[in-house]
Amino acid sequence: MHQRSVEKRAKAAAEVNYKGTVKSKTDSQIANADADFMVAKVACDTKAGTAKDVCVKQAQATRVKLVADVKAHR
């Protein structure tokens, strides 16, 4: 999972460097939020039961907030 998040970040950064558009920058920031979420979910796997559920919900809420902030600043 970590490898996929690294690849997602690298691809988004490459597109920003190549295109340099506002859309590519926005997409890159969203890809970074998605990658952060992937990593957080893996970290939540070390927990069990309710603690794991809370951890995943926190990770999802963080991702939603980051994406909303990115879209608000277009």
PDB file of N, CA and C in Angstrom:
ATOM      1  N   MET A   1       0.822  -1.188   0.000  1.00  0.00           N
ATOM      2  CA  MET A   1       0.000   0.000   0.000  1.00  0.00           C
ATOM      3  C   MET A   1       0.866   1.252   0.000  1.00  0.00           C
ATOM      4  N   HIS A   2       1.929   1.226   0.765  1.00  0.00           N
ATOM      5  CA  HIS A   2       2.822   2.377   0.820  1.00  0.00           C
ATOM      6  C   HIS A   2       3.399   2.679  -0.558  1.00  0.00           C
ATOM      7  N   GLN A   3       3.753   1.651  -1.302  1.00  0.00           N
ATOM      8  CA  GLN A   3       4.322   1.833  -2.639  1.00  0.00           C
ATOM      9  C   GLN A   3       3.323   2.533  -3.555  1.00  0.00           C
ATOM     10  N   ARG A   4       2.047   2.148  -3.451  1.00  0.00           N
ATOM     11  CA  ARG A   4       1.026   2.782  -4.292  1.00  0.00           C
ATOM     12  C   ARG A   4       0.886   4.257  -3.947  1.00  0.00           C
ATOM     13  N   SER A   5       0.992   4.591  -2.675  1.00  0.00           N
ATOM     14  CA  SER A   5       0.867   5.999  -2.294  1.00  0.00           C
ATOM     15  C   SER A   5       2.051   6.808  -2.817  1.00  0.00           C
ATOM     16  N   VAL A   6       3.235   6.216  -2.792  1.00  0.00           N
ATOM     17  CA  VAL A   6       4.430   6.883  -3.324  1.00  0.00           C
ATOM     18  C   VAL A   6       4.282   7.087  -4.830  1.00  0.00           C
ATOM     19  N   GLU A   7       3.796   6.069  -5.525  1.00  0.00           N
ATOM     20  CA  GLU A   7       3.597   6.171  -6.975  1.00  0.00           C
ATOM     21  C   GLU A   7       2.555   7.236  -7.315  1.00  0.00           C
ATOM     22  N   LYS A   8       1.487   7.289  -6.522  1.00  0.00           N
ATOM     23  CA  LYS A   8       0.428   8.269  -6.763  1.00  0.00           C
ATOM     24  C   LYS A   8       0.963   9.694  -6.618  1.00  0.00           C
ATOM     25  N   ARG A   9       1.761   9.916  -5.576  1.00  0.00           N
ATOM     26  CA  ARG A   9       2.365  11.240  -5.369  1.00  0.00           C
ATOM     27  C   ARG A   9       3.323  11.600  -6.507  1.00  0.00           C
ATOM     28  N   ALA A  10       4.139  10.639  -6.915  1.00  0.00           N
ATOM     29  CA  ALA A  10       5.124  10.897  -7.965  1.00  0.00           C
ATOM     30  C   ALA A  10       4.449  11.213  -9.293  1.00  0.00           C
ATOM     31  N   LYS A  11       3.419  10.481  -9.624  1.00  0.00           N
ATOM     32  CA  LYS A  11       2.702  10.721 -10.881  1.00  0.00           C
ATOM     33  C   LYS A  11       2.068  12.117 -10.876  1.00  0.00           C
ATOM     34  N   ALA A  12       1.443  12.470  -9.754  1.00  0.00           N
ATOM     35  CA  ALA A  12       0.801  13.786  -9.650  1.00  0.00           C
ATOM     36  C   ALA A  12       1.839  14.904  -9.752  1.00  0.00           C
ATOM     37  N   ALA A  13       2.988  14.717  -9.099  1.00  0.00           N
ATOM     38  CA  ALA A  13       4.047  15.736  -9.157  1.00  0.00           C
ATOM     39  C   ALA A  13       4.592  15.866 -10.575  1.00  0.00           C
ATOM     40  N   ALA A  14       4.720  14.752 -11.268  1.00  0.00           N
ATOM     41  CA  ALA A  14       5.213  14.788 -12.644  1.00  0.00           C
ATOM     42  C   ALA A  14       4.246  15.552 -13.547  1.00  0.00           C
ATOM     43  N   GLU A  15       2.952  15.346 -13.338  1.00  0.00           N
ATOM     44  CA  GLU A  15       1.965  16.063 -14.148  1.00  0.00           C
ATOM     45  C   GLU A  15       2.016  17.567 -13.885  1.00  0.00           C
ATOM     46  N   VAL A  16       2.209  17.944 -12.636  1.00  0.00           N
ATOM     47  CA  VAL A  16       2.318  19.372 -12.305  1.00  0.00           C
ATOM     48  C   VAL A  16       3.543  19.956 -13.000  1.00  0.00           C
ATOM     49  N   ASN A  17       4.654  19.247 -12.930  1.00  0.00           N
ATOM     50  CA  ASN A  17       5.880  19.741 -13.566  1.00  0.00           C
ATOM     51  C   ASN A  17       5.731  19.832 -15.078  1.00  0.00           C
ATOM     52  N   TYR A  18       5.001  18.885 -15.665  1.00  0.00           N
ATOM     53  CA  TYR A  18       4.846  18.866 -17.116  1.00  0.00           C
ATOM     54  C   TYR A  18       3.816  19.897 -17.580  1.00  0.00           C
ATOM     55  N   LYS A  19       2.642  19.882 -16.952  1.00  0.00           N
ATOM     56  CA  LYS A  19       1.554  20.752 -17.399  1.00  0.00           C
ATOM     57  C   LYS A  19       1.602  22.139 -16.765  1.00  0.00           C
ATOM     58  N   GLY A  20       1.836  22.180 -15.472  1.00  0.00           N
ATOM     59  CA  GLY A  20       1.897  23.453 -14.769  1.00  0.00           C
ATOM     60  C   GLY A  20       0.592  24.214 -14.695  1.00  0.00           C
ATOM     61  N   THR A  21      -0.534  23.513 -14.871  1.00  0.00           N
ATOM     62  CA  THR A  21      -1.831  24.185 -14.839  1.00  0.00           C
ATOM     63  C   THR A  21      -2.404  24.176 -13.426  1.00  0.00           C
ATOM     64  N   VAL A  22      -3.394  25.018 -13.210  1.00  0.00           N
ATOM     65  CA  VAL A  22      -4.076  25.050 -11.918  1.00  0.00           C
ATOM     66  C   VAL A  22      -4.752  23.712 -11.660  1.00  0.00           C
ATOM     67  N   LYS A  23      -5.348  23.132 -12.696  1.00  0.00           N
ATOM     68  CA  LYS A  23      -6.024  21.839 -12.552  1.00  0.00           C
ATOM     69  C   LYS A  23      -5.030  20.757 -12.151  1.00  0.00           C
ATOM     70  N   SER A  24      -3.865  20.747 -12.759  1.00  0.00           N
ATOM     71  CA  SER A  24      -2.887  19.716 -12.408  1.00  0.00           C
ATOM     72  C   SER A  24      -2.389  19.911 -10.973  1.00  0.00           C
ATOM     73  N   LYS A  25      -2.266  21.156 -10.541  1.00  0.00           N
ATOM     74  CA  LYS A  25      -1.855  21.420  -9.160  1.00  0.00           C
ATOM     75  C   LYS A  25      -2.938  20.963  -8.180  1.00  0.00           C
ATOM     76  N   THR A  26      -4.189  21.250  -8.511  1.00  0.00           N
ATOM     77  CA  THR A  26      -5.303  20.812  -7.680  1.00  0.00           C
ATOM     78  C   THR A  26      -5.358  19.291  -7.622  1.00  0.00           C
ATOM     79  N   ASP A  27      -5.235  18.652  -8.788  1.00  0.00           N
ATOM     80  CA  ASP A  27      -5.247  17.184  -8.841  1.00  0.00           C
ATOM     81  C   ASP A  27      -4.094  16.600  -8.028  1.00  0.00           C
ATOM     82  N   SER A  28      -2.957  17.259  -8.052  1.00  0.00           N
ATOM     83  CA  SER A  28      -1.801  16.791  -7.293  1.00  0.00           C
ATOM     84  C   SER A  28      -2.076  16.866  -5.796  1.00  0.00           C
ATOM     85  N   GLN A  29      -2.681  17.947  -5.362  1.00  0.00           N
ATOM     86  CA  GLN A  29      -2.984  18.093  -3.938  1.00  0.00           C
ATOM     87  C   GLN A  29      -4.016  17.063  -3.490  1.00  0.00           C
ATOM     88  N   ILE A  30      -4.979  16.769  -4.344  1.00  0.00           N
ATOM     89  CA  ILE A  30      -5.970  15.741  -4.028  1.00  0.00           C
ATOM     90  C   ILE A  30      -5.306  14.366  -3.997  1.00  0.00           C
ATOM     91  N   ALA A  31      -4.394  14.111  -4.936  1.00  0.00           N
ATOM     92  CA  ALA A  31      -3.667  12.846  -4.940  1.00  0.00           C
ATOM     93  C   ALA A  31      -2.841  12.693  -3.673  1.00  0.00           C
ATOM     94  N   ASN A  32      -2.268  13.772  -3.197  1.00  0.00           N
ATOM     95  CA  ASN A  32      -1.510  13.729  -1.942  1.00  0.00           C
ATOM     96  C   ASN A  32      -2.435  13.415  -0.757  1.00  0.00           C
ATOM     97  N   ALA A  33      -3.630  13.977  -0.759  1.00  0.00           N
ATOM     98  CA  ALA A  33      -4.596  13.678   0.303  1.00  0.00           C
ATOM     99  C   ALA A  33      -4.999  12.205   0.253  1.00  0.00           C
ATOM    100  N   ASP A  34      -5.181  11.690  -0.961  1.00  0.00           N
ATOM    101  CA  ASP A  34      -5.510  10.270  -1.123  1.00  0.00           C
ATOM    102  C   ASP A  34      -4.369   9.383  -0.635  1.00  0.00           C
ATOM    103  N   ALA A  35      -3.153   9.774  -0.953  1.00  0.00           N
ATOM    104  CA  ALA A  35      -1.982   9.005  -0.527  1.00  0.00           C
ATOM    105  C   ALA A  35      -1.849   9.025   0.995  1.00  0.00           C
ATOM    106  N   ASP A  36      -2.078  10.186   1.597  1.00  0.00           N
ATOM    107  CA  ASP A  36      -2.053  10.285   3.063  1.00  0.00           C
ATOM    108  C   ASP A  36      -3.095   9.358   3.674  1.00  0.00           C
ATOM    109  N   PHE A  37      -4.266   9.298   3.051  1.00  0.00           N
ATOM    110  CA  PHE A  37      -5.333   8.437   3.534  1.00  0.00           C
ATOM    111  C   PHE A  37      -4.919   6.964   3.444  1.00  0.00           C
ATOM    112  N   MET A  38      -4.290   6.588   2.337  1.00  0.00           N
ATOM    113  CA  MET A  38      -3.826   5.202   2.182  1.00  0.00           C
ATOM    114  C   MET A  38      -2.861   4.817   3.302  1.00  0.00           C
ATOM    115  N   VAL A  39      -1.925   5.692   3.571  1.00  0.00           N
ATOM    116  CA  VAL A  39      -0.928   5.433   4.613  1.00  0.00           C
ATOM    117  C   VAL A  39      -1.612   5.364   5.987  1.00  0.00           C
ATOM    118  N   ALA A  40      -2.550   6.259   6.238  1.00  0.00           N
ATOM    119  CA  ALA A  40      -3.251   6.273   7.525  1.00  0.00           C
ATOM    120  C   ALA A  40      -4.056   4.993   7.721  1.00  0.00           C
ATOM    121  N   LYS A  41      -4.681   4.500   6.645  1.00  0.00           N
ATOM    122  CA  LYS A  41      -5.443   3.254   6.755  1.00  0.00           C
ATOM    123  C   LYS A  41      -4.543   2.087   7.123  1.00  0.00           C
ATOM    124  N   VAL A  42      -3.354   2.050   6.559  1.00  0.00           N
ATOM    125  CA  VAL A  42      -2.407   0.989   6.903  1.00  0.00           C
ATOM    126  C   VAL A  42      -2.023   1.086   8.374  1.00  0.00           C
ATOM    127  N   ALA A  43      -1.817   2.303   8.848  1.00  0.00           N
ATOM    128  CA  ALA A  43      -1.486   2.500  10.256  1.00  0.00           C
ATOM    129  C   ALA A  43      -2.648   2.055  11.150  1.00  0.00           C
ATOM    130  N   CYS A  44      -3.865   2.235  10.684  1.00  0.00           N
ATOM    131  CA  CYS A  44      -5.038   1.826  11.463  1.00  0.00           C
ATOM    132  C   CYS A  44      -5.151   0.301  11.556  1.00  0.00           C
ATOM    133  N   ASP A  45      -4.562  -0.408  10.610  1.00  0.00           N
ATOM    134  CA  ASP A  45      -4.632  -1.871  10.616  1.00  0.00           C
ATOM    135  C   ASP A  45      -3.940  -2.487  11.825  1.00  0.00           C
ATOM    136  N   THR A  46      -3.096  -1.727  12.488  1.00  0.00           N
ATOM    137  CA  THR A  46      -2.414  -2.255  13.670  1.00  0.00           C
ATOM    138  C   THR A  46      -3.331  -2.253  14.890  1.00  0.00           C
ATOM    139  N   LYS A  47      -4.469  -1.601  14.768  1.00  0.00           N
ATOM    140  CA  LYS A  47      -5.414  -1.507  15.877  1.00  0.00           C
ATOM    141  C   LYS A  47      -6.542  -2.522  15.673  1.00  0.00           C
ATOM    142  N   ALA A  48      -7.339  -2.717  16.682  1.00  0.00           N
ATOM    143  CA  ALA A  48      -8.431  -3.677  16.588  1.00  0.00           C
ATOM    144  C   ALA A  48      -9.723  -3.073  17.120  1.00  0.00           C
ATOM    145  N   GLY A  49     -10.815  -3.632  16.669  1.00  0.00           N
ATOM    146  CA  GLY A  49     -12.132  -3.269  17.172  1.00  0.00           C
ATOM    147  C   GLY A  49     -12.493  -1.811  16.982  1.00  0.00           C
ATOM    148  N   THR A  50     -13.012  -1.229  18.044  1.00  0.00           N
ATOM    149  CA  THR A  50     -13.490   0.146  18.007  1.00  0.00           C
ATOM    150  C   THR A  50     -12.359   1.127  17.733  1.00  0.00           C
ATOM    151  N   ALA A  51     -11.184   0.856  18.276  1.00  0.00           N
ATOM    152  CA  ALA A  51     -10.040   1.753  18.048  1.00  0.00           C
ATOM    153  C   ALA A  51      -9.706   1.831  16.559  1.00  0.00           C
ATOM    154  N   LYS A  52      -9.795   0.704  15.881  1.00  0.00           N
ATOM    155  CA  LYS A  52      -9.528   0.689  14.438  1.00  0.00           C
ATOM    156  C   LYS A  52     -10.602   1.469  13.688  1.00  0.00           C
ATOM    157  N   ASP A  53     -11.861   1.260  14.061  1.00  0.00           N
ATOM    158  CA  ASP A  53     -12.961   1.981  13.415  1.00  0.00           C
ATOM    159  C   ASP A  53     -12.813   3.486  13.578  1.00  0.00           C
ATOM    160  N   VAL A  54     -12.475   3.920  14.774  1.00  0.00           N
ATOM    161  CA  VAL A  54     -12.280   5.343  15.047  1.00  0.00           C
ATOM    162  C   VAL A  54     -11.116   5.880  14.231  1.00  0.00           C
ATOM    163  N   CYS A  55     -10.040   5.113  14.170  1.00  0.00           N
ATOM    164  CA  CYS A  55      -8.853   5.525  13.412  1.00  0.00           C
ATOM    165  C   CYS A  55      -9.186   5.719  11.933  1.00  0.00           C
ATOM    166  N   VAL A  56      -9.911   4.768  11.355  1.00  0.00           N
ATOM    167  CA  VAL A  56     -10.278   4.848   9.934  1.00  0.00           C
ATOM    168  C   VAL A  56     -11.206   6.036   9.699  1.00  0.00           C
ATOM    169  N   LYS A  57     -12.166   6.240  10.590  1.00  0.00           N
ATOM    170  CA  LYS A  57     -13.083   7.381  10.434  1.00  0.00           C
ATOM    171  C   LYS A  57     -12.345   8.710  10.530  1.00  0.00           C
ATOM    172  N   GLN A  58     -11.358   8.793  11.422  1.00  0.00           N
ATOM    173  CA  GLN A  58     -10.541  10.009  11.528  1.00  0.00           C
ATOM    174  C   GLN A  58      -9.758  10.233  10.240  1.00  0.00           C
ATOM    175  N   ALA A  59      -9.194   9.165   9.694  1.00  0.00           N
ATOM    176  CA  ALA A  59      -8.428   9.268   8.449  1.00  0.00           C
ATOM    177  C   ALA A  59      -9.330   9.730   7.309  1.00  0.00           C
ATOM    178  N   GLN A  60     -10.541   9.184   7.255  1.00  0.00           N
ATOM    179  CA  GLN A  60     -11.488   9.587   6.213  1.00  0.00           C
ATOM    180  C   GLN A  60     -11.878  11.051   6.375  1.00  0.00           C
ATOM    181  N   ALA A  61     -12.128  11.463   7.599  1.00  0.00           N
ATOM    182  CA  ALA A  61     -12.516  12.857   7.849  1.00  0.00           C
ATOM    183  C   ALA A  61     -11.389  13.808   7.465  1.00  0.00           C
ATOM    184  N   THR A  62     -10.167  13.425   7.770  1.00  0.00           N
ATOM    185  CA  THR A  62      -9.015  14.251   7.399  1.00  0.00           C
ATOM    186  C   THR A  62      -8.915  14.379   5.893  1.00  0.00           C
ATOM    187  N   ARG A  63      -9.097  13.258   5.170  1.00  0.00           N
ATOM    188  CA  ARG A  63      -9.039  13.284   3.714  1.00  0.00           C
ATOM    189  C   ARG A  63     -10.139  14.189   3.143  1.00  0.00           C
ATOM    190  N   VAL A  64     -11.344  14.050   3.658  1.00  0.00           N
ATOM    191  CA  VAL A  64     -12.465  14.869   3.174  1.00  0.00           C
ATOM    192  C   VAL A  64     -12.176  16.346   3.392  1.00  0.00           C
ATOM    193  N   LYS A  65     -11.645  16.693   4.553  1.00  0.00           N
ATOM    194  CA  LYS A  65     -11.326  18.099   4.850  1.00  0.00           C
ATOM    195  C   LYS A  65     -10.248  18.622   3.913  1.00  0.00           C
ATOM    196  N   LEU A  66      -9.192  17.829   3.690  1.00  0.00           N
ATOM    197  CA  LEU A  66      -8.117  18.264   2.808  1.00  0.00           C
ATOM    198  C   LEU A  66      -8.618  18.489   1.381  1.00  0.00           C
ATOM    199  N   VAL A  67      -9.421  17.557   0.893  1.00  0.00           N
ATOM    200  CA  VAL A  67      -9.955  17.692  -0.468  1.00  0.00           C
ATOM    201  C   VAL A  67     -10.868  18.913  -0.556  1.00  0.00           C
ATOM    202  N   ALA A  68     -11.697  19.123   0.441  1.00  0.00           N
ATOM    203  CA  ALA A  68     -12.585  20.289   0.445  1.00  0.00           C
ATOM    204  C   ALA A  68     -11.781  21.586   0.457  1.00  0.00           C
ATOM    205  N   ASP A  69     -10.716  21.616   1.255  1.00  0.00           N
ATOM    206  CA  ASP A  69      -9.861  22.814   1.298  1.00  0.00           C
ATOM    207  C   ASP A  69      -9.205  23.074  -0.053  1.00  0.00           C
ATOM    208  N   VAL A  70      -8.738  22.022  -0.687  1.00  0.00           N
ATOM    209  CA  VAL A  70      -8.105  22.161  -2.005  1.00  0.00           C
ATOM    210  C   VAL A  70      -9.097  22.709  -3.015  1.00  0.00           C
ATOM    211  N   LYS A  71     -10.292  22.151  -3.032  1.00  0.00           N
ATOM    212  CA  LYS A  71     -11.312  22.584  -3.994  1.00  0.00           C
ATOM    213  C   LYS A  71     -11.788  24.005  -3.711  1.00  0.00           C
ATOM    214  N   ALA A  72     -11.770  24.404  -2.452  1.00  0.00           N
ATOM    215  CA  ALA A  72     -12.196  25.762  -2.095  1.00  0.00           C
ATOM    216  C   ALA A  72     -11.181  26.805  -2.538  1.00  0.00           C
ATOM    217  N   HIS A  73      -9.924  26.415  -2.683  1.00  0.00           N
ATOM    218  CA  HIS A  73      -8.868  27.363  -3.044  1.00  0.00           C
ATOM    219  C   HIS A  73      -8.508  27.327  -4.522  1.00  0.00           C
ATOM    220  N   ARG A  74      -9.345  26.751  -5.344  1.00  0.00           N
ATOM    221  CA  ARG A  74      -9.060  26.684  -6.787  1.00  0.00           C
ATOM    222  C   ARG A  74      -8.860  28.036  -7.374  1.00  0.00           C
TER     223      ARG A  74
END
